[in-house]
N, C-alpha and C. Protein backbone atom coordinates (compact mmCIF):
# COMPACT_ATOMS: atom_id res chain seq x y z
N UNK A 1 -139.91 -18.53 92.30
CA UNK A 1 -140.26 -18.56 90.91
C UNK A 1 -141.10 -19.80 90.68
N UNK A 2 -142.19 -19.67 89.97
CA UNK A 2 -143.08 -20.81 89.79
C UNK A 2 -143.61 -20.85 88.37
N UNK A 3 -143.60 -22.02 87.79
CA UNK A 3 -144.13 -22.23 86.46
C UNK A 3 -145.25 -23.26 86.59
N UNK A 4 -146.49 -22.89 86.29
CA UNK A 4 -147.63 -23.76 86.57
C UNK A 4 -147.61 -25.08 85.81
N UNK A 5 -146.89 -25.16 84.69
CA UNK A 5 -146.90 -26.37 83.88
C UNK A 5 -145.70 -27.26 84.17
N UNK A 6 -144.87 -26.89 85.11
CA UNK A 6 -143.69 -27.69 85.44
C UNK A 6 -143.81 -28.24 86.86
N UNK A 7 -143.23 -29.40 87.06
CA UNK A 7 -143.14 -29.93 88.41
C UNK A 7 -141.96 -29.23 89.07
N UNK A 8 -142.19 -28.67 90.23
CA UNK A 8 -141.17 -27.86 90.89
C UNK A 8 -141.07 -28.26 92.35
N UNK A 9 -139.84 -28.35 92.84
CA UNK A 9 -139.63 -28.71 94.24
C UNK A 9 -138.48 -27.88 94.79
N UNK A 10 -138.72 -27.20 95.90
CA UNK A 10 -137.66 -26.48 96.60
C UNK A 10 -136.95 -27.44 97.54
N UNK A 11 -135.63 -27.39 97.53
CA UNK A 11 -134.86 -28.22 98.45
C UNK A 11 -133.77 -27.38 99.11
N UNK A 12 -133.28 -27.85 100.24
CA UNK A 12 -132.17 -27.19 100.93
C UNK A 12 -131.09 -28.23 101.17
N UNK A 13 -129.86 -27.85 100.87
CA UNK A 13 -128.72 -28.74 100.99
C UNK A 13 -127.83 -28.20 102.11
N UNK A 14 -127.52 -29.05 103.08
CA UNK A 14 -126.64 -28.63 104.18
C UNK A 14 -125.21 -28.50 103.66
N UNK A 15 -124.58 -27.40 104.02
CA UNK A 15 -123.20 -27.14 103.61
C UNK A 15 -122.46 -26.48 104.77
N UNK A 16 -121.14 -26.49 104.74
CA UNK A 16 -120.38 -25.86 105.83
C UNK A 16 -120.73 -24.39 106.05
N UNK A 17 -121.14 -23.71 104.99
CA UNK A 17 -121.47 -22.28 105.11
C UNK A 17 -122.92 -22.06 105.52
N UNK A 18 -123.70 -23.12 105.65
CA UNK A 18 -125.11 -23.01 106.00
C UNK A 18 -125.97 -23.77 105.00
N UNK A 19 -127.21 -23.38 104.88
CA UNK A 19 -128.14 -24.04 103.97
C UNK A 19 -128.03 -23.44 102.56
N UNK A 20 -127.91 -24.31 101.57
CA UNK A 20 -127.94 -23.88 100.18
C UNK A 20 -129.32 -24.20 99.62
N UNK A 21 -129.95 -23.22 99.02
CA UNK A 21 -131.28 -23.42 98.45
C UNK A 21 -131.14 -23.85 96.99
N UNK A 22 -131.95 -24.80 96.59
CA UNK A 22 -131.98 -25.25 95.21
C UNK A 22 -133.43 -25.48 94.80
N UNK A 23 -133.68 -25.41 93.53
CA UNK A 23 -135.01 -25.67 92.99
C UNK A 23 -134.87 -26.73 91.91
N UNK A 24 -135.67 -27.76 92.01
CA UNK A 24 -135.68 -28.81 91.00
C UNK A 24 -136.90 -28.57 90.11
N UNK A 25 -136.66 -28.43 88.82
CA UNK A 25 -137.74 -28.28 87.85
C UNK A 25 -137.75 -29.53 86.99
N UNK A 26 -138.91 -30.12 86.84
CA UNK A 26 -139.04 -31.27 85.96
C UNK A 26 -140.03 -30.91 84.88
N UNK A 27 -139.57 -30.93 83.63
CA UNK A 27 -140.43 -30.60 82.51
C UNK A 27 -141.48 -31.67 82.27
N UNK A 28 -142.41 -31.37 81.39
CA UNK A 28 -143.43 -32.36 81.07
C UNK A 28 -142.85 -33.43 80.14
N UNK A 29 -143.66 -34.40 79.78
CA UNK A 29 -143.19 -35.52 78.97
C UNK A 29 -143.16 -35.22 77.47
N UNK A 30 -143.48 -34.00 77.08
CA UNK A 30 -143.54 -33.68 75.65
C UNK A 30 -142.43 -32.74 75.20
N UNK A 31 -141.60 -32.27 76.12
CA UNK A 31 -140.54 -31.33 75.77
C UNK A 31 -139.46 -31.97 74.91
N UNK A 32 -138.61 -31.14 74.35
CA UNK A 32 -137.55 -31.58 73.45
C UNK A 32 -136.62 -32.61 74.11
N UNK A 33 -136.32 -32.42 75.38
CA UNK A 33 -135.38 -33.30 76.07
C UNK A 33 -136.09 -34.40 76.87
N UNK A 34 -137.40 -34.55 76.70
CA UNK A 34 -138.18 -35.48 77.53
C UNK A 34 -137.73 -36.93 77.37
N UNK A 35 -137.33 -37.32 76.18
CA UNK A 35 -136.95 -38.72 75.94
C UNK A 35 -135.55 -39.03 76.44
N UNK A 36 -134.81 -38.02 76.84
CA UNK A 36 -133.44 -38.23 77.28
C UNK A 36 -133.36 -38.19 78.80
N UNK A 37 -132.46 -38.96 79.34
CA UNK A 37 -132.18 -38.87 80.78
C UNK A 37 -131.20 -37.73 80.96
N UNK A 38 -131.70 -36.55 81.18
CA UNK A 38 -130.88 -35.35 81.19
C UNK A 38 -130.95 -34.69 82.55
N UNK A 39 -129.80 -34.36 83.08
CA UNK A 39 -129.71 -33.60 84.32
C UNK A 39 -128.85 -32.38 84.04
N UNK A 40 -129.37 -31.23 84.36
CA UNK A 40 -128.64 -29.98 84.15
C UNK A 40 -128.57 -29.25 85.47
N UNK A 41 -127.39 -28.81 85.83
CA UNK A 41 -127.21 -28.01 87.04
C UNK A 41 -126.81 -26.61 86.59
N UNK A 42 -127.61 -25.63 86.97
CA UNK A 42 -127.35 -24.25 86.59
C UNK A 42 -127.11 -23.47 87.88
N UNK A 43 -125.97 -22.84 87.97
CA UNK A 43 -125.62 -22.06 89.16
C UNK A 43 -125.74 -20.58 88.85
N UNK A 44 -126.29 -19.84 89.79
CA UNK A 44 -126.43 -18.40 89.59
C UNK A 44 -125.15 -17.67 89.98
N UNK A 45 -125.01 -16.42 89.54
CA UNK A 45 -123.84 -15.62 89.93
C UNK A 45 -123.75 -15.48 91.45
N UNK A 46 -122.58 -15.24 91.94
CA UNK A 46 -122.33 -15.16 93.38
C UNK A 46 -123.20 -14.08 94.03
N UNK A 47 -123.86 -14.41 95.14
CA UNK A 47 -124.73 -13.44 95.82
C UNK A 47 -124.02 -12.17 96.27
N UNK A 48 -122.75 -12.26 96.60
CA UNK A 48 -122.00 -11.07 97.01
C UNK A 48 -121.95 -10.04 95.88
N UNK A 49 -122.05 -10.53 94.66
CA UNK A 49 -122.00 -9.65 93.49
C UNK A 49 -123.40 -9.42 92.90
N UNK A 50 -124.43 -9.67 93.70
CA UNK A 50 -125.80 -9.40 93.28
C UNK A 50 -126.50 -10.56 92.60
N UNK A 51 -125.91 -11.74 92.60
CA UNK A 51 -126.52 -12.90 91.94
C UNK A 51 -127.67 -13.48 92.74
N UNK A 52 -128.71 -13.92 92.04
CA UNK A 52 -129.84 -14.59 92.66
C UNK A 52 -130.32 -15.72 91.76
N UNK A 53 -131.17 -16.59 92.31
CA UNK A 53 -131.74 -17.67 91.50
C UNK A 53 -132.71 -17.14 90.46
N UNK A 54 -133.15 -15.90 90.60
CA UNK A 54 -134.07 -15.29 89.65
C UNK A 54 -133.35 -14.52 88.55
N UNK A 55 -132.03 -14.70 88.45
CA UNK A 55 -131.23 -14.05 87.42
C UNK A 55 -131.79 -14.41 86.04
N UNK A 56 -131.84 -13.43 85.14
CA UNK A 56 -132.44 -13.63 83.81
C UNK A 56 -131.75 -14.75 83.02
N UNK A 57 -130.44 -14.82 83.09
CA UNK A 57 -129.71 -15.87 82.37
C UNK A 57 -130.04 -17.25 82.95
N UNK A 58 -130.10 -17.34 84.27
CA UNK A 58 -130.41 -18.60 84.94
C UNK A 58 -131.81 -19.08 84.56
N UNK A 59 -132.79 -18.20 84.62
CA UNK A 59 -134.16 -18.62 84.32
C UNK A 59 -134.33 -18.95 82.83
N UNK A 60 -133.63 -18.25 81.96
CA UNK A 60 -133.70 -18.56 80.52
C UNK A 60 -133.10 -19.93 80.24
N UNK A 61 -131.95 -20.22 80.84
CA UNK A 61 -131.34 -21.54 80.67
C UNK A 61 -132.25 -22.64 81.21
N UNK A 62 -132.85 -22.39 82.37
CA UNK A 62 -133.74 -23.39 82.98
C UNK A 62 -134.92 -23.68 82.05
N UNK A 63 -135.53 -22.64 81.51
CA UNK A 63 -136.67 -22.85 80.60
C UNK A 63 -136.24 -23.57 79.33
N UNK A 64 -135.05 -23.27 78.83
CA UNK A 64 -134.55 -23.91 77.62
C UNK A 64 -134.44 -25.42 77.81
N UNK A 65 -133.87 -25.84 78.92
CA UNK A 65 -133.71 -27.27 79.16
C UNK A 65 -135.00 -27.93 79.60
N UNK A 66 -135.82 -27.21 80.35
CA UNK A 66 -137.08 -27.79 80.83
C UNK A 66 -138.07 -28.01 79.70
N UNK A 67 -138.16 -27.03 78.80
CA UNK A 67 -139.16 -27.10 77.73
C UNK A 67 -138.58 -27.82 76.53
């Protein structure tokens, strides 16, 4: 997933079960939360139950906090 106006970085975190993929999105300096030191962690539904990072709820929450 890519948003041309956001700074985005894919990372992988080592875990006992293997590699966990994460995406860091950094909004621009003009967004609602730009003046705050805000960190939000959004987890998607479990993959065994069909969850992905592209889940509609996950992406909507990400855009809400990023913008």
